[in-house]
């Protein structure tokens, strides 16, 4: 055998560099694939809880659970917590949580879908940056393997959805 013969692994490695991602025929195209908005939410911020913080947070969550209020997008903050709940339960939340909570109605969740959004370099940041550039106030950001979730005011939701619908492939 000649020593000039090429290592077959070299060709494979050069074809699979990060700068040349491949799509197979059965994959969805990369980039934004769908945008949807769900309205009818309120954003709840509970701040200024005294130490020890963990039992205080649990008391808040227990009070909400005892009222049978479903919550989403729970976030722990340095001095409390925040979450999203159905807007038709805003008055109940205000009554149960009292002055330790700020309940803001008129919130929507905008879901921006993209295959492997976490793995597509810069796509999460670019999407958030564009939403901010539209003048949207973003109350909460969440992400999944295939979507970015933005909690925003209802008017901002419509503007964000229209903007990203133009980019859907």
C-alpha atoms as a PDB file:
ATOM      1  CA  UNK A   1       0.000   0.000   0.000  1.00  0.00           C
ATOM      2  CA  UNK A   2       1.128   3.500  -0.756  1.00  0.00           C
ATOM      3  CA  UNK A   3       1.644   5.921   2.116  1.00  0.00           C
ATOM      4  CA  UNK A   4       0.083   8.634  -0.053  1.00  0.00           C
ATOM      5  CA  UNK A   5      -3.311   7.037   0.424  1.00  0.00           C
ATOM      6  CA  UNK A   6      -5.662   9.410   2.212  1.00  0.00           C
ATOM      7  CA  UNK A   7      -7.257   8.615   5.569  1.00  0.00           C
ATOM      8  CA  UNK A   8     -11.019   8.141   4.884  1.00  0.00           C
ATOM      9  CA  UNK A   9     -11.890   9.804   8.204  1.00  0.00           C
ATOM     10  CA  UNK A  10     -10.290  13.078   7.060  1.00  0.00           C
ATOM     11  CA  UNK A  11     -12.963  13.584   4.384  1.00  0.00           C
ATOM     12  CA  UNK A  12     -15.765  12.890   6.872  1.00  0.00           C
ATOM     13  CA  UNK A  13     -14.383  15.343   9.416  1.00  0.00           C
ATOM     14  CA  UNK A  14     -13.956  18.120   6.879  1.00  0.00           C
ATOM     15  CA  UNK A  15     -17.553  17.701   5.679  1.00  0.00           C
ATOM     16  CA  UNK A  16     -18.978  17.914   9.201  1.00  0.00           C
ATOM     17  CA  UNK A  17     -17.521  21.208  10.344  1.00  0.00           C
ATOM     18  CA  UNK A  18     -19.744  23.476  12.478  1.00  0.00           C
ATOM     19  CA  UNK A  19     -19.718  26.138   9.759  1.00  0.00           C
ATOM     20  CA  UNK A  20     -21.565  23.883   7.320  1.00  0.00           C
ATOM     21  CA  UNK A  21     -24.629  22.465   9.092  1.00  0.00           C
ATOM     22  CA  UNK A  22     -26.510  19.886   7.086  1.00  0.00           C
ATOM     23  CA  UNK A  23     -30.185  19.291   6.852  1.00  0.00           C
ATOM     24  CA  UNK A  24     -31.624  15.967   5.882  1.00  0.00           C
ATOM     25  CA  UNK A  25     -34.694  15.559   3.708  1.00  0.00           C
ATOM     26  CA  UNK A  26     -36.920  14.728   6.675  1.00  0.00           C
ATOM     27  CA  UNK A  27     -35.873  17.690   8.852  1.00  0.00           C
ATOM     28  CA  UNK A  28     -37.809  20.890   9.097  1.00  0.00           C
ATOM     29  CA  UNK A  29     -35.889  23.813   7.638  1.00  0.00           C
ATOM     30  CA  UNK A  30     -33.797  25.795  10.081  1.00  0.00           C
ATOM     31  CA  UNK A  31     -34.929  29.253  11.089  1.00  0.00           C
ATOM     32  CA  UNK A  32     -38.292  30.503  12.275  1.00  0.00           C
ATOM     33  CA  UNK A  33     -41.107  28.122  11.396  1.00  0.00           C
ATOM     34  CA  UNK A  34     -44.155  29.471  13.230  1.00  0.00           C
ATOM     35  CA  UNK A  35     -45.312  32.287  15.502  1.00  0.00           C
ATOM     36  CA  UNK A  36     -48.365  32.088  17.699  1.00  0.00           C
ATOM     37  CA  UNK A  37     -49.869  34.265  20.401  1.00  0.00           C
ATOM     38  CA  UNK A  38     -52.032  33.246  23.336  1.00  0.00           C
ATOM     39  CA  UNK A  39     -53.728  36.043  25.242  1.00  0.00           C
ATOM     40  CA  UNK A  40     -55.663  36.194  28.470  1.00  0.00           C
ATOM     41  CA  UNK A  41     -52.868  36.198  31.052  1.00  0.00           C
ATOM     42  CA  UNK A  42     -51.702  38.295  33.962  1.00  0.00           C
ATOM     43  CA  UNK A  43     -48.123  38.639  35.209  1.00  0.00           C
ATOM     44  CA  UNK A  44     -47.565  38.340  38.954  1.00  0.00           C
ATOM     45  CA  UNK A  45     -44.463  39.654  40.748  1.00  0.00           C
ATOM     46  CA  UNK A  46     -44.041  38.879  44.427  1.00  0.00           C
ATOM     47  CA  UNK A  47     -41.118  40.796  45.908  1.00  0.00           C
ATOM     48  CA  UNK A  48     -39.736  41.769  49.292  1.00  0.00           C
ATOM     49  CA  UNK A  49     -40.295  38.428  50.947  1.00  0.00           C
ATOM     50  CA  UNK A  50     -38.491  38.182  54.300  1.00  0.00           C
ATOM     51  CA  UNK A  51     -35.836  35.617  55.124  1.00  0.00           C
ATOM     52  CA  UNK A  52     -35.778  32.677  55.166  1.00  0.00           C
ATOM     53  CA  UNK A  53     -36.780  33.020  51.524  1.00  0.00           C
ATOM     54  CA  UNK A  54     -37.525  29.402  50.574  1.00  0.00           C
ATOM     55  CA  UNK A  55     -40.369  28.882  53.086  1.00  0.00           C
ATOM     56  CA  UNK A  56     -41.809  32.291  52.130  1.00  0.00           C
ATOM     57  CA  UNK A  57     -41.880  31.343  48.449  1.00  0.00           C
ATOM     58  CA  UNK A  58     -43.524  28.046  49.333  1.00  0.00           C
ATOM     59  CA  UNK A  59     -46.209  29.895  51.324  1.00  0.00           C
ATOM     60  CA  UNK A  60     -46.998  32.027  48.276  1.00  0.00           C
ATOM     61  CA  UNK A  61     -47.200  29.001  45.999  1.00  0.00           C
ATOM     62  CA  UNK A  62     -49.296  27.103  48.552  1.00  0.00           C
ATOM     63  CA  UNK A  63     -51.781  29.991  48.793  1.00  0.00           C
ATOM     64  CA  UNK A  64     -52.097  30.084  44.995  1.00  0.00           C
ATOM     65  CA  UNK A  65     -52.518  26.293  44.821  1.00  0.00           C
ATOM     66  CA  UNK A  66     -55.228  26.317  47.516  1.00  0.00           C
ATOM     67  CA  UNK A  67     -57.202  28.752  45.335  1.00  0.00           C
ATOM     68  CA  UNK A  68     -56.883  26.312  42.421  1.00  0.00           C
ATOM     69  CA  UNK A  69     -55.055  28.839  40.268  1.00  0.00           C
ATOM     70  CA  UNK A  70     -52.894  27.388  37.518  1.00  0.00           C
ATOM     71  CA  UNK A  71     -49.569  29.141  36.938  1.00  0.00           C
ATOM     72  CA  UNK A  72     -46.916  29.036  34.231  1.00  0.00           C
ATOM     73  CA  UNK A  73     -43.427  30.431  33.750  1.00  0.00           C
ATOM     74  CA  UNK A  74     -42.436  30.394  37.398  1.00  0.00           C
ATOM     75  CA  UNK A  75     -39.221  32.341  37.988  1.00  0.00           C
ATOM     76  CA  UNK A  76     -37.377  32.747  41.248  1.00  0.00           C
ATOM     77  CA  UNK A  77     -36.064  36.238  41.904  1.00  0.00           C
ATOM     78  CA  UNK A  78     -33.522  37.369  44.510  1.00  0.00           C
ATOM     79  CA  UNK A  79     -36.307  38.482  46.886  1.00  0.00           C
ATOM     80  CA  UNK A  80     -39.382  36.627  45.692  1.00  0.00           C
ATOM     81  CA  UNK A  81     -40.835  35.041  42.573  1.00  0.00           C
ATOM     82  CA  UNK A  82     -42.877  35.752  39.497  1.00  0.00           C
ATOM     83  CA  UNK A  83     -45.264  33.797  37.302  1.00  0.00           C
ATOM     84  CA  UNK A  84     -48.022  34.036  34.734  1.00  0.00           C
ATOM     85  CA  UNK A  85     -51.629  33.060  35.463  1.00  0.00           C
ATOM     86  CA  UNK A  86     -54.995  33.293  33.698  1.00  0.00           C
ATOM     87  CA  UNK A  87     -56.185  36.907  33.646  1.00  0.00           C
ATOM     88  CA  UNK A  88     -59.641  35.924  34.861  1.00  0.00           C
ATOM     89  CA  UNK A  89     -57.997  34.944  38.174  1.00  0.00           C
ATOM     90  CA  UNK A  90     -56.199  38.295  38.673  1.00  0.00           C
ATOM     91  CA  UNK A  91     -58.657  39.507  41.326  1.00  0.00           C
ATOM     92  CA  UNK A  92     -58.305  36.218  43.225  1.00  0.00           C
ATOM     93  CA  UNK A  93     -54.530  36.532  43.099  1.00  0.00           C
ATOM     94  CA  UNK A  94     -54.714  40.095  44.383  1.00  0.00           C
ATOM     95  CA  UNK A  95     -56.957  39.003  47.259  1.00  0.00           C
ATOM     96  CA  UNK A  96     -54.841  35.969  48.197  1.00  0.00           C
ATOM     97  CA  UNK A  97     -51.419  37.588  47.859  1.00  0.00           C
ATOM     98  CA  UNK A  98     -52.325  41.061  49.078  1.00  0.00           C
ATOM     99  CA  UNK A  99     -49.894  43.946  48.929  1.00  0.00           C
ATOM    100  CA  UNK A 100     -46.845  41.708  48.548  1.00  0.00           C
ATOM    101  CA  UNK A 101     -47.799  41.058  44.903  1.00  0.00           C
ATOM    102  CA  UNK A 102     -48.098  43.217  41.804  1.00  0.00           C
ATOM    103  CA  UNK A 103     -50.637  41.719  39.392  1.00  0.00           C
ATOM    104  CA  UNK A 104     -50.563  43.109  35.854  1.00  0.00           C
ATOM    105  CA  UNK A 105     -53.330  42.100  33.445  1.00  0.00           C
ATOM    106  CA  UNK A 106     -53.404  42.348  29.657  1.00  0.00           C
ATOM    107  CA  UNK A 107     -50.545  39.947  29.075  1.00  0.00           C
ATOM    108  CA  UNK A 108     -49.977  37.540  26.198  1.00  0.00           C
ATOM    109  CA  UNK A 109     -47.500  34.758  25.513  1.00  0.00           C
ATOM    110  CA  UNK A 110     -45.829  34.916  22.107  1.00  0.00           C
ATOM    111  CA  UNK A 111     -44.254  31.632  20.997  1.00  0.00           C
ATOM    112  CA  UNK A 112     -41.605  31.949  18.302  1.00  0.00           C
ATOM    113  CA  UNK A 113     -40.898  28.458  16.950  1.00  0.00           C
ATOM    114  CA  UNK A 114     -37.643  27.369  15.332  1.00  0.00           C
ATOM    115  CA  UNK A 115     -36.127  23.903  15.113  1.00  0.00           C
ATOM    116  CA  UNK A 116     -33.257  23.581  17.605  1.00  0.00           C
ATOM    117  CA  UNK A 117     -33.533  27.257  18.518  1.00  0.00           C
ATOM    118  CA  UNK A 118     -31.107  26.743  21.407  1.00  0.00           C
ATOM    119  CA  UNK A 119     -28.501  25.209  19.124  1.00  0.00           C
ATOM    120  CA  UNK A 120     -28.696  27.758  16.317  1.00  0.00           C
ATOM    121  CA  UNK A 121     -25.964  30.159  17.307  1.00  0.00           C
ATOM    122  CA  UNK A 122     -27.320  33.588  18.177  1.00  0.00           C
ATOM    123  CA  UNK A 123     -30.930  32.881  17.187  1.00  0.00           C
ATOM    124  CA  UNK A 124     -32.356  33.309  20.692  1.00  0.00           C
ATOM    125  CA  UNK A 125     -30.470  36.548  21.259  1.00  0.00           C
ATOM    126  CA  UNK A 126     -31.314  37.872  17.802  1.00  0.00           C
ATOM    127  CA  UNK A 127     -35.017  37.146  18.276  1.00  0.00           C
ATOM    128  CA  UNK A 128     -35.132  38.843  21.679  1.00  0.00           C
ATOM    129  CA  UNK A 129     -33.139  41.792  20.340  1.00  0.00           C
ATOM    130  CA  UNK A 130     -35.613  42.249  17.484  1.00  0.00           C
ATOM    131  CA  UNK A 131     -38.582  42.145  19.887  1.00  0.00           C
ATOM    132  CA  UNK A 132     -36.942  44.817  22.045  1.00  0.00           C
ATOM    133  CA  UNK A 133     -36.151  46.909  18.961  1.00  0.00           C
ATOM    134  CA  UNK A 134     -39.884  46.877  18.165  1.00  0.00           C
ATOM    135  CA  UNK A 135     -40.390  48.738  21.442  1.00  0.00           C
ATOM    136  CA  UNK A 136     -41.868  45.773  23.278  1.00  0.00           C
ATOM    137  CA  UNK A 137     -41.616  45.555  27.035  1.00  0.00           C
ATOM    138  CA  UNK A 138     -40.782  41.934  27.757  1.00  0.00           C
ATOM    139  CA  UNK A 139     -41.936  40.763  31.174  1.00  0.00           C
ATOM    140  CA  UNK A 140     -40.575  37.252  30.931  1.00  0.00           C
ATOM    141  CA  UNK A 141     -38.441  35.112  28.615  1.00  0.00           C
ATOM    142  CA  UNK A 142     -38.513  31.342  28.489  1.00  0.00           C
ATOM    143  CA  UNK A 143     -37.230  28.881  25.962  1.00  0.00           C
ATOM    144  CA  UNK A 144     -37.635  25.289  24.967  1.00  0.00           C
ATOM    145  CA  UNK A 145     -35.797  23.110  22.536  1.00  0.00           C
ATOM    146  CA  UNK A 146     -37.859  24.416  19.633  1.00  0.00           C
ATOM    147  CA  UNK A 147     -39.354  27.725  20.762  1.00  0.00           C
ATOM    148  CA  UNK A 148     -38.813  31.044  22.476  1.00  0.00           C
ATOM    149  CA  UNK A 149     -41.593  32.246  24.773  1.00  0.00           C
ATOM    150  CA  UNK A 150     -42.098  35.946  25.459  1.00  0.00           C
ATOM    151  CA  UNK A 151     -44.577  37.324  27.985  1.00  0.00           C
ATOM    152  CA  UNK A 152     -45.534  40.793  26.812  1.00  0.00           C
ATOM    153  CA  UNK A 153     -48.437  43.242  26.847  1.00  0.00           C
ATOM    154  CA  UNK A 154     -51.282  42.460  24.462  1.00  0.00           C
ATOM    155  CA  UNK A 155     -50.488  45.372  22.092  1.00  0.00           C
ATOM    156  CA  UNK A 156     -46.812  44.383  21.970  1.00  0.00           C
ATOM    157  CA  UNK A 157     -47.805  40.775  21.240  1.00  0.00           C
ATOM    158  CA  UNK A 158     -49.641  41.745  18.072  1.00  0.00           C
ATOM    159  CA  UNK A 159     -46.688  43.813  16.846  1.00  0.00           C
ATOM    160  CA  UNK A 160     -44.170  41.049  17.634  1.00  0.00           C
ATOM    161  CA  UNK A 161     -46.289  38.394  15.950  1.00  0.00           C
ATOM    162  CA  UNK A 162     -46.698  40.485  12.760  1.00  0.00           C
ATOM    163  CA  UNK A 163     -42.948  41.153  12.648  1.00  0.00           C
ATOM    164  CA  UNK A 164     -41.871  37.530  13.035  1.00  0.00           C
ATOM    165  CA  UNK A 165     -44.577  36.166  10.700  1.00  0.00           C
ATOM    166  CA  UNK A 166     -42.664  37.918   7.900  1.00  0.00           C
ATOM    167  CA  UNK A 167     -39.581  35.821   8.763  1.00  0.00           C
ATOM    168  CA  UNK A 168     -41.293  32.418   8.905  1.00  0.00           C
ATOM    169  CA  UNK A 169     -39.959  29.962   6.351  1.00  0.00           C
END
